C-alpha atoms as a PDB file:
ATOM      1  CA  MET A   1      67.770 -52.335 -52.803  1.00  0.00           C
ATOM      2  CA  ILE A   2      66.250 -49.473 -50.811  1.00  0.00           C
ATOM      3  CA  ALA A   3      62.754 -50.872 -51.379  1.00  0.00           C
ATOM      4  CA  ILE A   4      63.840 -54.272 -50.110  1.00  0.00           C
ATOM      5  CA  TRP A   5      65.444 -52.708 -47.012  1.00  0.00           C
ATOM      6  CA  GLY A   6      62.314 -50.677 -46.306  1.00  0.00           C
ATOM      7  CA  SER A   7      59.995 -53.651 -46.571  1.00  0.00           C
ATOM      8  CA  THR A   8      62.277 -55.581 -44.238  1.00  0.00           C
ATOM      9  CA  LEU A   9      62.112 -52.808 -41.589  1.00  0.00           C
ATOM     10  CA  GLU A  10      58.317 -52.683 -41.833  1.00  0.00           C
ATOM     11  CA  ARG A  11      58.135 -56.296 -40.790  1.00  0.00           C
ATOM     12  CA  TYR A  12      60.171 -55.734 -37.595  1.00  0.00           C
ATOM     13  CA  ILE A  13      59.118 -52.144 -36.559  1.00  0.00           C
ATOM     14  CA  PRO A  14      55.406 -51.836 -35.714  1.00  0.00           C
ATOM     15  CA  SER A  15      53.497 -48.900 -37.082  1.00  0.00           C
ATOM     16  CA  THR A  16      52.788 -46.037 -34.554  1.00  0.00           C
ATOM     17  CA  GLU A  17      49.660 -43.939 -34.196  1.00  0.00           C
ATOM     18  CA  LEU A  18      49.807 -40.244 -33.483  1.00  0.00           C
ATOM     19  CA  PRO A  19      47.594 -39.099 -30.605  1.00  0.00           C
ATOM     20  CA  LYS A  20      44.798 -36.655 -31.300  1.00  0.00           C
ATOM     21  CA  PRO A  21      44.191 -33.599 -29.122  1.00  0.00           C
ATOM     22  CA  ASN A  22      41.055 -35.099 -27.689  1.00  0.00           C
ATOM     23  CA  GLY A  23      42.839 -38.296 -26.533  1.00  0.00           C
ATOM     24  CA  LYS A  24      41.887 -40.553 -29.457  1.00  0.00           C
ATOM     25  CA  HIS A  25      44.399 -42.179 -31.817  1.00  0.00           C
ATOM     26  CA  ARG A  26      44.328 -42.459 -35.597  1.00  0.00           C
ATOM     27  CA  PRO A  27      46.677 -44.079 -38.188  1.00  0.00           C
ATOM     28  CA  GLU A  28      49.590 -42.078 -39.483  1.00  0.00           C
ATOM     29  CA  PRO A  29      48.898 -40.576 -42.943  1.00  0.00           C
ATOM     30  CA  GLN A  30      50.851 -42.245 -45.736  1.00  0.00           C
ATOM     31  CA  THR A  31      50.880 -39.643 -48.513  1.00  0.00           C
ATOM     32  CA  SER A  32      51.990 -36.035 -48.457  1.00  0.00           C
ATOM     33  CA  THR A  33      48.441 -34.853 -49.154  1.00  0.00           C
ATOM     34  CA  GLU A  34      47.083 -36.741 -46.177  1.00  0.00           C
ATOM     35  CA  ARG A  35      49.911 -35.460 -43.998  1.00  0.00           C
ATOM     36  CA  GLY A  36      49.143 -31.865 -44.960  1.00  0.00           C
ATOM     37  CA  ARG A  37      45.435 -32.345 -44.274  1.00  0.00           C
ATOM     38  CA  ALA A  38      46.198 -33.887 -40.882  1.00  0.00           C
ATOM     39  CA  PHE A  39      48.538 -31.004 -39.954  1.00  0.00           C
ATOM     40  CA  ARG A  40      45.906 -28.379 -40.801  1.00  0.00           C
ATOM     41  CA  GLN A  41      43.282 -30.309 -38.787  1.00  0.00           C
ATOM     42  CA  ARG A  42      45.527 -30.473 -35.713  1.00  0.00           C
ATOM     43  CA  LYS A  43      46.252 -26.748 -36.002  1.00  0.00           C
ATOM     44  CA  ARG A  44      42.543 -25.875 -36.062  1.00  0.00           C
ATOM     45  CA  GLU A  45      41.882 -28.129 -33.032  1.00  0.00           C
ATOM     46  CA  ALA A  46      44.734 -26.528 -31.079  1.00  0.00           C
ATOM     47  CA  GLN A  47      43.171 -23.059 -31.510  1.00  0.00           C
ATOM     48  CA  THR A  48      39.683 -24.092 -30.318  1.00  0.00           C
ATOM     49  CA  PHE A  49      38.274 -22.790 -26.930  1.00  0.00           C
ATOM     50  CA  GLU A  50      36.170 -25.223 -24.991  1.00  0.00           C
ATOM     51  CA  PRO A  51      34.253 -23.448 -22.130  1.00  0.00           C
ATOM     52  CA  GLU A  52      33.471 -25.640 -19.143  1.00  0.00           C
ATOM     53  CA  GLN A  53      29.977 -24.285 -18.527  1.00  0.00           C
ATOM     54  CA  THR A  54      27.426 -21.859 -19.817  1.00  0.00           C
ATOM     55  CA  ILE A  55      28.189 -18.278 -18.869  1.00  0.00           C
ATOM     56  CA  THR A  56      25.438 -16.644 -16.809  1.00  0.00           C
ATOM     57  CA  PRO A  57      25.482 -12.915 -16.046  1.00  0.00           C
ATOM     58  CA  PRO A  58      27.013 -12.548 -12.565  1.00  0.00           C
ATOM     59  CA  HIS A  59      25.002  -9.427 -11.635  1.00  0.00           C
ATOM     60  CA  GLN A  60      21.732 -11.114 -10.687  1.00  0.00           C
ATOM     61  CA  THR A  61      20.491  -9.885  -7.298  1.00  0.00           C
ATOM     62  CA  HIS A  62      17.907 -10.909  -4.749  1.00  0.00           C
ATOM     63  CA  THR A  63      15.833  -7.933  -3.590  1.00  0.00           C
ATOM     64  CA  THR A  64      12.718  -7.565  -1.409  1.00  0.00           C
ATOM     65  CA  PRO A  65       9.510  -7.133  -3.453  1.00  0.00           C
ATOM     66  CA  ALA A  66       8.319  -3.549  -3.727  1.00  0.00           C
ATOM     67  CA  VAL A  67       4.909  -4.382  -2.240  1.00  0.00           C
ATOM     68  CA  VAL A  68       6.495  -5.702   0.950  1.00  0.00           C
ATOM     69  CA  THR A  69       8.749  -2.657   1.251  1.00  0.00           C
ATOM     70  CA  ILE A  70       5.853  -0.232   0.734  1.00  0.00           C
ATOM     71  CA  SER A  71       3.707  -2.111   3.265  1.00  0.00           C
ATOM     72  CA  THR A  72       6.542  -2.016   5.788  1.00  0.00           C
ATOM     73  CA  PHE A  73       7.027   1.721   5.278  1.00  0.00           C
ATOM     74  CA  THR A  74       3.271   2.317   5.668  1.00  0.00           C
ATOM     75  CA  ALA A  75       3.065   0.296   8.876  1.00  0.00           C
ATOM     76  CA  ALA A  76       6.144   2.035  10.281  1.00  0.00           C
ATOM     77  CA  LEU A  77       4.746   5.497   9.544  1.00  0.00           C
ATOM     78  CA  ALA A  78       1.335   4.597  10.996  1.00  0.00           C
ATOM     79  CA  LEU A  79       2.886   3.310  14.219  1.00  0.00           C
ATOM     80  CA  ALA A  80       5.210   6.304  14.399  1.00  0.00           C
ATOM     81  CA  THR A  81       2.258   8.690  13.946  1.00  0.00           C
ATOM     82  CA  CYS A  82       0.254   7.035  16.745  1.00  0.00           C
ATOM     83  CA  SER A  83       3.300   6.947  18.987  1.00  0.00           C
ATOM     84  CA  ALA A  84       4.112  10.603  18.337  1.00  0.00           C
ATOM     85  CA  TYR A  85       0.516  11.724  18.959  1.00  0.00           C
ATOM     86  CA  PHE A  86       0.192   9.802  22.224  1.00  0.00           C
ATOM     87  CA  SER A  87       3.605  10.966  23.400  1.00  0.00           C
ATOM     88  CA  ILE A  88       3.093  14.637  22.561  1.00  0.00           C
ATOM     89  CA  VAL A  89      -0.358  14.778  24.174  1.00  0.00           C
ATOM     90  CA  GLY A  90       0.995  12.977  27.228  1.00  0.00           C
ATOM     91  CA  LEU A  91       3.916  15.405  27.520  1.00  0.00           C
ATOM     92  CA  THR A  92       1.562  18.384  27.221  1.00  0.00           C
ATOM     93  CA  ALA A  93      -0.423  16.949  30.146  1.00  0.00           C
ATOM     94  CA  ILE A  94       2.776  16.714  32.200  1.00  0.00           C
ATOM     95  CA  PHE A  95       3.962  20.213  31.211  1.00  0.00           C
ATOM     96  CA  ALA A  96       0.557  21.897  31.035  1.00  0.00           C
ATOM     97  CA  GLY A  97       1.999  25.408  31.349  1.00  0.00           C
ATOM     98  CA  ALA A  98       3.835  25.265  27.984  1.00  0.00           C
ATOM     99  CA  TYR A  99       1.453  23.553  25.580  1.00  0.00           C
ATOM    100  CA  TRP A 100       2.650  24.750  22.166  1.00  0.00           C
ATOM    101  CA  PRO A 101       6.380  24.693  22.973  1.00  0.00           C
ATOM    102  CA  VAL A 102       6.010  21.089  24.120  1.00  0.00           C
ATOM    103  CA  VAL A 103       4.132  20.239  20.904  1.00  0.00           C
ATOM    104  CA  GLY A 104       6.910  21.761  18.772  1.00  0.00           C
ATOM    105  CA  MET A 105       9.587  19.969  20.775  1.00  0.00           C
ATOM    106  CA  GLY A 106       7.777  16.627  20.442  1.00  0.00           C
ATOM    107  CA  VAL A 107       7.380  16.986  16.668  1.00  0.00           C
ATOM    108  CA  ALA A 108      11.045  17.910  16.234  1.00  0.00           C
ATOM    109  CA  LEU A 109      12.232  15.011  18.387  1.00  0.00           C
ATOM    110  CA  GLU A 110      10.024  12.551  16.511  1.00  0.00           C
ATOM    111  CA  ILE A 111      11.319  13.706  13.127  1.00  0.00           C
ATOM    112  CA  GLY A 112      14.888  13.499  14.391  1.00  0.00           C
ATOM    113  CA  LYS A 113      14.373   9.986  15.725  1.00  0.00           C
ATOM    114  CA  LEU A 114      12.880   8.700  12.464  1.00  0.00           C
ATOM    115  CA  SER A 115      15.643  10.374  10.457  1.00  0.00           C
ATOM    116  CA  ALA A 116      18.280   8.728  12.645  1.00  0.00           C
ATOM    117  CA  VAL A 117      16.709   5.295  12.172  1.00  0.00           C
ATOM    118  CA  ALA A 118      16.520   5.785   8.396  1.00  0.00           C
ATOM    119  CA  TRP A 119      20.164   6.929   8.318  1.00  0.00           C
ATOM    120  CA  LEU A 120      21.273   3.858  10.256  1.00  0.00           C
ATOM    121  CA  GLY A 121      19.504   1.634   7.754  1.00  0.00           C
ATOM    122  CA  SER A 122      20.976   3.317   4.675  1.00  0.00           C
ATOM    123  CA  ASN A 123      24.539   3.823   6.001  1.00  0.00           C
ATOM    124  CA  ARG A 124      25.535   0.492   7.467  1.00  0.00           C
ATOM    125  CA  ASN A 125      29.232   0.910   6.626  1.00  0.00           C
ATOM    126  CA  SER A 126      29.720   4.300   8.260  1.00  0.00           C
ATOM    127  CA  ALA A 127      31.884   5.121  11.265  1.00  0.00           C
ATOM    128  CA  SER A 128      31.168   3.038  14.350  1.00  0.00           C
ATOM    129  CA  ALA A 129      31.311   6.012  16.722  1.00  0.00           C
ATOM    130  CA  LEU A 130      28.597   7.864  14.817  1.00  0.00           C
ATOM    131  CA  LYS A 131      26.394   4.776  14.682  1.00  0.00           C
ATOM    132  CA  ILE A 132      26.780   4.204  18.421  1.00  0.00           C
ATOM    133  CA  ALA A 133      25.867   7.831  19.108  1.00  0.00           C
ATOM    134  CA  LEU A 134      22.761   7.624  16.906  1.00  0.00           C
ATOM    135  CA  VAL A 135      21.669   4.337  18.485  1.00  0.00           C
ATOM    136  CA  ALA A 136      22.014   5.901  21.945  1.00  0.00           C
ATOM    137  CA  LEU A 137      20.035   8.938  20.791  1.00  0.00           C
ATOM    138  CA  VAL A 138      17.249   6.781  19.382  1.00  0.00           C
ATOM    139  CA  ALA A 139      17.105   4.747  22.605  1.00  0.00           C
ATOM    140  CA  VAL A 140      16.786   7.901  24.738  1.00  0.00           C
ATOM    141  CA  LEU A 141      14.067   9.301  22.478  1.00  0.00           C
ATOM    142  CA  MET A 142      12.204   5.994  22.686  1.00  0.00           C
ATOM    143  CA  GLY A 143      12.302   6.203  26.478  1.00  0.00           C
ATOM    144  CA  LEU A 144      10.964   9.768  26.340  1.00  0.00           C
ATOM    145  CA  ASN A 145       8.192   8.657  24.010  1.00  0.00           C
ATOM    146  CA  ALA A 146       7.332   5.787  26.356  1.00  0.00           C
ATOM    147  CA  ILE A 147       6.914   8.247  29.230  1.00  0.00           C
ATOM    148  CA  GLY A 148       4.595  10.434  27.165  1.00  0.00           C
ATOM    149  CA  ILE A 149       2.553   7.469  25.923  1.00  0.00           C
ATOM    150  CA  TYR A 150       2.196   6.122  29.467  1.00  0.00           C
ATOM    151  CA  GLY A 151       0.993   9.507  30.685  1.00  0.00           C
ATOM    152  CA  TYR A 152      -1.519   9.830  27.835  1.00  0.00           C
ATOM    153  CA  LEU A 153      -3.009   6.351  28.233  1.00  0.00           C
ATOM    154  CA  SER A 154      -3.076   6.580  32.032  1.00  0.00           C
ATOM    155  CA  ARG A 155      -4.841   9.920  31.915  1.00  0.00           C
ATOM    156  CA  ALA A 156      -7.381   8.592  29.411  1.00  0.00           C
ATOM    157  CA  HIS A 157      -8.128   5.589  31.613  1.00  0.00           C
ATOM    158  CA  ILE A 158      -8.334   7.600  34.844  1.00  0.00           C
ATOM    159  CA  ALA A 159     -10.427  10.368  33.251  1.00  0.00           C
ATOM    160  CA  HIS A 160     -12.970   7.915  31.864  1.00  0.00           C
ATOM    161  CA  ALA A 161     -13.274   5.963  35.087  1.00  0.00           C
ATOM    162  CA  LEU A 162     -13.400   9.124  37.211  1.00  0.00           C
ATOM    163  CA  ALA A 163     -16.014  10.832  35.031  1.00  0.00           C
ATOM    164  CA  GLY A 164     -18.252   7.774  35.171  1.00  0.00           C
ATOM    165  CA  ASP A 165     -17.809   7.375  38.914  1.00  0.00           C
ATOM    166  CA  LEU A 166     -18.502  11.033  39.598  1.00  0.00           C
ATOM    167  CA  ALA A 167     -21.647  11.136  37.465  1.00  0.00           C
ATOM    168  CA  VAL A 168     -23.037   7.941  38.925  1.00  0.00           C
ATOM    169  CA  ALA A 169     -21.999   8.801  42.463  1.00  0.00           C
ATOM    170  CA  GLY A 170     -23.655  12.239  42.307  1.00  0.00           C
ATOM    171  CA  ARG A 171     -26.933  10.897  41.005  1.00  0.00           C
ATOM    172  CA  ALA A 172     -26.834   7.979  43.405  1.00  0.00           C
ATOM    173  CA  ALA A 173     -26.335  10.321  46.384  1.00  0.00           C
ATOM    174  CA  ASP A 174     -29.267  12.501  45.265  1.00  0.00           C
ATOM    175  CA  VAL A 175     -31.555   9.523  44.827  1.00  0.00           C
ATOM    176  CA  GLU A 176     -30.504   8.055  48.159  1.00  0.00           C
ATOM    177  CA  ALA A 177     -31.332  11.326  49.961  1.00  0.00           C
ATOM    178  CA  ARG A 178     -34.732  11.578  48.320  1.00  0.00           C
ATOM    179  CA  LEU A 179     -35.427   7.964  49.129  1.00  0.00           C
ATOM    180  CA  VAL A 180     -34.747   8.601  52.797  1.00  0.00           C
ATOM    181  CA  VAL A 181     -37.023  11.666  52.855  1.00  0.00           C
ATOM    182  CA  GLN A 182     -39.757   9.972  50.908  1.00  0.00           C
ATOM    183  CA  GLY A 183     -39.567   6.920  53.077  1.00  0.00           C
ATOM    184  CA  GLY A 184     -39.948   9.115  56.158  1.00  0.00           C
ATOM    185  CA  VAL A 185     -43.026  10.808  54.672  1.00  0.00           C
ATOM    186  CA  VAL A 186     -44.676   7.493  53.902  1.00  0.00           C
ATOM    187  CA  ALA A 187     -43.811   6.164  57.368  1.00  0.00           C
ATOM    188  CA  ASP A 188     -45.339   9.297  59.013  1.00  0.00           C
ATOM    189  CA  LEU A 189     -48.503   8.893  56.985  1.00  0.00           C
ATOM    190  CA  ASP A 190     -48.703   5.250  57.982  1.00  0.00           C
ATOM    191  CA  HIS A 191     -48.326   6.274  61.657  1.00  0.00           C
ATOM    192  CA  ARG A 192     -51.078   8.909  61.421  1.00  0.00           C
ATOM    193  CA  ILE A 193     -53.413   6.496  59.700  1.00  0.00           C
ATOM    194  CA  ALA A 194     -52.742   3.950  62.433  1.00  0.00           C
ATOM    195  CA  GLN A 195     -53.565   6.586  65.109  1.00  0.00           C
ATOM    196  CA  ILE A 196     -56.877   7.378  63.394  1.00  0.00           C
ATOM    197  CA  ASP A 197     -57.734   3.698  63.260  1.00  0.00           C
ATOM    198  CA  MET A 198     -57.019   3.367  67.000  1.00  0.00           C
ATOM    199  CA  ALA A 199     -59.168   6.420  67.781  1.00  0.00           C
ATOM    200  CA  VAL A 200     -62.079   5.049  65.766  1.00  0.00           C
ATOM    201  CA  GLU A 201     -61.806   1.693  67.510  1.00  0.00           C
ATOM    202  CA  GLU A 202     -61.770   3.433  70.916  1.00  0.00           C
ATOM    203  CA  ALA A 203     -64.860   5.448  70.010  1.00  0.00           C
ATOM    204  CA  ALA A 204     -66.614   2.291  68.856  1.00  0.00           C
ATOM    205  CA  ARG A 205     -65.966   0.610  72.216  1.00  0.00           C
ATOM    206  CA  ARG A 206     -67.618   3.532  74.050  1.00  0.00           C
ATOM    207  CA  GLY A 207     -70.922   2.932  72.378  1.00  0.00           C
ATOM    208  CA  ARG A 208     -73.151   4.790  69.939  1.00  0.00           C
ATOM    209  CA  SER A 209     -73.173   8.173  71.624  1.00  0.00           C
ATOM    210  CA  VAL A 210     -73.517  11.316  69.572  1.00  0.00           C
ATOM    211  CA  SER A 211     -69.980  12.415  70.369  1.00  0.00           C
ATOM    212  CA  ALA A 212     -68.533   9.037  69.509  1.00  0.00           C
ATOM    213  CA  MET A 213     -70.343   8.901  66.187  1.00  0.00           C
ATOM    214  CA  SER A 214     -69.260  12.452  65.326  1.00  0.00           C
ATOM    215  CA  LEU A 215     -65.605  11.609  66.202  1.00  0.00           C
ATOM    216  CA  ALA A 216     -65.677   8.460  64.091  1.00  0.00           C
ATOM    217  CA  ALA A 217     -67.042  10.358  61.076  1.00  0.00           C
ATOM    218  CA  ASP A 218     -64.362  13.036  61.370  1.00  0.00           C
ATOM    219  CA  GLN A 219     -61.604  10.419  61.695  1.00  0.00           C
ATOM    220  CA  HIS A 220     -62.900   8.555  58.652  1.00  0.00           C
ATOM    221  CA  ARG A 221     -62.659  11.730  56.562  1.00  0.00           C
ATOM    222  CA  ASN A 222     -59.149  12.434  57.880  1.00  0.00           C
ATOM    223  CA  ARG A 223     -58.112   8.885  57.203  1.00  0.00           C
ATOM    224  CA  ALA A 224     -59.353   8.991  53.615  1.00  0.00           C
ATOM    225  CA  GLY A 225     -57.315  12.137  52.954  1.00  0.00           C
ATOM    226  CA  LEU A 226     -54.208  10.619  54.527  1.00  0.00           C
ATOM    227  CA  VAL A 227     -54.600   7.433  52.498  1.00  0.00           C
ATOM    228  CA  ALA A 228     -54.748   9.473  49.265  1.00  0.00           C
ATOM    229  CA  VAL A 229     -51.636  11.413  50.257  1.00  0.00           C
ATOM    230  CA  ARG A 230     -49.856   8.185  51.176  1.00  0.00           C
ATOM    231  CA  GLN A 231     -50.590   6.662  47.806  1.00  0.00           C
ATOM    232  CA  ARG A 232     -49.046   9.644  46.052  1.00  0.00           C
ATOM    233  CA  GLU A 233     -45.979   9.538  48.281  1.00  0.00           C
ATOM    234  CA  ALA A 234     -45.671   5.788  47.852  1.00  0.00           C
ATOM    235  CA  THR A 235     -45.723   6.238  44.059  1.00  0.00           C
ATOM    236  CA  ALA A 236     -42.947   8.807  44.309  1.00  0.00           C
ATOM    237  CA  LEU A 237     -40.970   6.442  46.531  1.00  0.00           C
ATOM    238  CA  ALA A 238     -41.321   3.652  43.972  1.00  0.00           C
ATOM    239  CA  ALA A 239     -40.121   5.999  41.202  1.00  0.00           C
ATOM    240  CA  LEU A 240     -37.045   6.858  43.257  1.00  0.00           C
ATOM    241  CA  GLN A 241     -36.303   3.183  43.790  1.00  0.00           C
ATOM    242  CA  VAL A 242     -36.513   2.580  40.025  1.00  0.00           C
ATOM    243  CA  GLU A 243     -34.134   5.487  39.414  1.00  0.00           C
ATOM    244  CA  LYS A 244     -31.715   4.054  41.961  1.00  0.00           C
ATOM    245  CA  SER A 245     -31.790   0.707  40.129  1.00  0.00           C
ATOM    246  CA  GLY A 246     -30.938   2.485  36.865  1.00  0.00           C
ATOM    247  CA  ILE A 247     -27.972   4.199  38.496  1.00  0.00           C
ATOM    248  CA  ASP A 248     -26.742   0.863  39.812  1.00  0.00           C
ATOM    249  CA  GLY A 249     -26.968  -0.510  36.260  1.00  0.00           C
ATOM    250  CA  GLU A 250     -24.900   2.413  34.939  1.00  0.00           C
ATOM    251  CA  ARG A 251     -22.280   1.760  37.602  1.00  0.00           C
ATOM    252  CA  LYS A 252     -22.047  -1.864  36.505  1.00  0.00           C
ATOM    253  CA  THR A 253     -21.745  -0.766  32.863  1.00  0.00           C
ATOM    254  CA  ILE A 254     -18.820   1.479  33.750  1.00  0.00           C
ATOM    255  CA  GLU A 255     -17.199  -1.352  35.653  1.00  0.00           C
ATOM    256  CA  ALA A 256     -17.723  -3.642  32.643  1.00  0.00           C
ATOM    257  CA  ASP A 257     -15.337  -1.442  30.585  1.00  0.00           C
ATOM    258  CA  LEU A 258     -12.527  -3.101  32.515  1.00  0.00           C
ATOM    259  CA  GLY A 259     -13.984  -6.559  32.015  1.00  0.00           C
ATOM    260  CA  PRO A 260     -10.985  -8.141  30.177  1.00  0.00           C
ATOM    261  CA  VAL A 261      -8.525  -6.558  32.585  1.00  0.00           C
ATOM    262  CA  ARG A 262     -10.609  -7.696  35.532  1.00  0.00           C
ATOM    263  CA  TYR A 263     -10.712 -11.271  34.249  1.00  0.00           C
ATOM    264  CA  LEU A 264      -6.944 -11.196  33.742  1.00  0.00           C
ATOM    265  CA  ALA A 265      -6.495  -9.789  37.247  1.00  0.00           C
ATOM    266  CA  GLN A 266      -8.627 -12.575  38.685  1.00  0.00           C
ATOM    267  CA  LEU A 267      -6.656 -15.132  36.701  1.00  0.00           C
ATOM    268  CA  ILE A 268      -3.277 -14.017  38.057  1.00  0.00           C
ATOM    269  CA  GLY A 269      -4.622 -13.028  41.459  1.00  0.00           C
ATOM    270  CA  ALA A 270      -3.807  -9.297  41.205  1.00  0.00           C
ATOM    271  CA  HIS A 271      -5.685  -6.044  41.611  1.00  0.00           C
ATOM    272  CA  ASP A 272      -7.531  -4.498  38.662  1.00  0.00           C
ATOM    273  CA  GLU A 273      -5.671  -1.203  38.735  1.00  0.00           C
ATOM    274  CA  GLY A 274      -2.283  -2.924  39.035  1.00  0.00           C
ATOM    275  CA  VAL A 275      -2.937  -5.052  35.960  1.00  0.00           C
ATOM    276  CA  MET A 276      -4.151  -1.983  34.055  1.00  0.00           C
ATOM    277  CA  ARG A 277      -0.953  -0.090  34.887  1.00  0.00           C
ATOM    278  CA  TRP A 278       1.218  -2.953  33.621  1.00  0.00           C
ATOM    279  CA  PHE A 279      -0.867  -3.193  30.451  1.00  0.00           C
ATOM    280  CA  ILE A 280      -0.454   0.529  29.746  1.00  0.00           C
ATOM    281  CA  LEU A 281       3.283   0.243  30.418  1.00  0.00           C
ATOM    282  CA  ALA A 282       3.606  -2.651  27.935  1.00  0.00           C
ATOM    283  CA  VAL A 283       1.845  -0.639  25.220  1.00  0.00           C
ATOM    284  CA  ALA A 284       4.013   2.387  25.935  1.00  0.00           C
ATOM    285  CA  LEU A 285       7.228   0.358  25.723  1.00  0.00           C
ATOM    286  CA  LEU A 286       6.326  -1.532  22.536  1.00  0.00           C
ATOM    287  CA  LEU A 287       4.661   1.079  20.326  1.00  0.00           C
ATOM    288  CA  ASP A 288       7.650   3.269  19.477  1.00  0.00           C
ATOM    289  CA  PRO A 289      10.257   0.449  19.144  1.00  0.00           C
ATOM    290  CA  ALA A 290       7.922  -1.358  16.746  1.00  0.00           C
ATOM    291  CA  ALA A 291       7.729   1.713  14.520  1.00  0.00           C
ATOM    292  CA  ALA A 292      11.519   2.162  14.585  1.00  0.00           C
ATOM    293  CA  ALA A 293      12.152  -1.516  13.819  1.00  0.00           C
ATOM    294  CA  LEU A 294       9.788  -1.519  10.843  1.00  0.00           C
ATOM    295  CA  LEU A 295      11.304   1.679   9.473  1.00  0.00           C
ATOM    296  CA  LEU A 296      14.803   0.223   9.815  1.00  0.00           C
ATOM    297  CA  ALA A 297      13.711  -2.994   8.066  1.00  0.00           C
ATOM    298  CA  ALA A 298      12.144  -1.052   5.193  1.00  0.00           C
ATOM    299  CA  THR A 299      15.255   1.093   4.797  1.00  0.00           C
ATOM    300  CA  LEU A 300      17.523  -1.949   4.771  1.00  0.00           C
ATOM    301  CA  ALA A 301      15.293  -3.650   2.191  1.00  0.00           C
ATOM    302  CA  THR A 302      15.546  -0.584  -0.025  1.00  0.00           C
ATOM    303  CA  HIS A 303      19.361  -0.382   0.098  1.00  0.00           C
ATOM    304  CA  THR A 304      20.291  -4.073   0.244  1.00  0.00           C
ATOM    305  CA  ARG A 305      21.456  -5.953  -2.874  1.00  0.00           C
ATOM    306  CA  ARG A 306      22.644  -9.495  -2.220  1.00  0.00           C
ATOM    307  CA  PRO A 307      24.304 -11.633  -4.957  1.00  0.00           C
ATOM    308  CA  VAL A 308      22.826 -14.978  -5.770  1.00  0.00           C
ATOM    309  CA  ALA A 309      24.601 -17.901  -4.104  1.00  0.00           C
ATOM    310  CA  GLY A 310      27.180 -19.565  -6.324  1.00  0.00           C
ATOM    311  CA  CYS A 311      27.370 -16.650  -8.743  1.00  0.00           C
ATOM    312  CA  SER A 312      30.980 -15.412  -8.985  1.00  0.00           C
ATOM    313  CA  LEU A 313      33.222 -14.297 -11.770  1.00  0.00           C
ATOM    314  CA  GLY A 314      35.589 -17.181 -11.143  1.00  0.00           C
ATOM    315  CA  ASN A 315      32.992 -19.708 -12.239  1.00  0.00           C
ATOM    316  CA  TYR A 316      32.578 -18.085 -15.639  1.00  0.00           C
ATOM    317  CA  ALA A 317      36.167 -17.958 -16.898  1.00  0.00           C
ATOM    318  CA  PRO A 318      36.494 -20.155 -20.030  1.00  0.00           C
ATOM    319  CA  LYS A 319      39.221 -22.769 -20.092  1.00  0.00           C
ATOM    320  CA  LEU A 320      41.631 -22.936 -23.010  1.00  0.00           C
ATOM    321  CA  THR A 321      42.233 -26.462 -24.237  1.00  0.00           C
ATOM    322  CA  VAL A 322      45.283 -26.847 -26.457  1.00  0.00           C
ATOM    323  CA  GLY A 323      45.398 -29.766 -28.770  1.00  0.00           C
ATOM    324  CA  HIS A 324      48.404 -32.131 -28.828  1.00  0.00           C
ATOM    325  CA  ALA A 325      50.686 -31.864 -31.810  1.00  0.00           C
END
């Protein structure tokens, strides 16, 4: 009777399928063995972890290559050395009465400035007031360095130009004086020779008297001696003119040292010395800031560690997937 009732219910009640944890459906087990096996399978699936993605270590960093950092440090120290040397020598020229104290002060200030720049690069998260004070200190020291560098380069330019002008001007004045004297000697000889020629011509017009012939012979001997002297003096005059030409060439060579500046001055329609002053000022203003900027960049590259984009701990947490009973 029970069997007949059960078969009757099976015809009117459709069979159901139990869902699997992964969303698929399978037929319901019929025997107790199959039901036990299915229960153990569902239990194992419910305890399984399914990570969403492959876990990558989140501590990867992007750092500047060591070669670039070393090159930056080297360039910064080279520029700082040149800047310090020019500035210290320029300051000693301004304060000539205290040479060694000025040298010691310049070295100490340069070391302090570089230390301040390195500290700013390695302590970015420090107090704002201290950073502002150090930045102001570095700016003032850069201005002091610029003054020293401008004095050094200006003195070098003026000394070179003045030494060349003085040497050439002294020699040129000496040669000019000797040329005037030598020219006067040659002109006097020419005048005396012309007087002898006139006297001989006058004696020839008087006839062939004994006195006239004797005067002509004497004048011929005097003229021959004067001509020999004139030739020697004329040779000396020519040598002086050659020396004067050489001095003029040296003057042009000295002027050619400012050739690029002179061309630039002609291009912008300014005076040579004005352009040279602006050029020296540009070098003085750029040399020390370039050294400080490179040192700051190298320090930041040494102490900076930036995480790779998209790498966070939140992306690596595994997700627990619980199977459906």
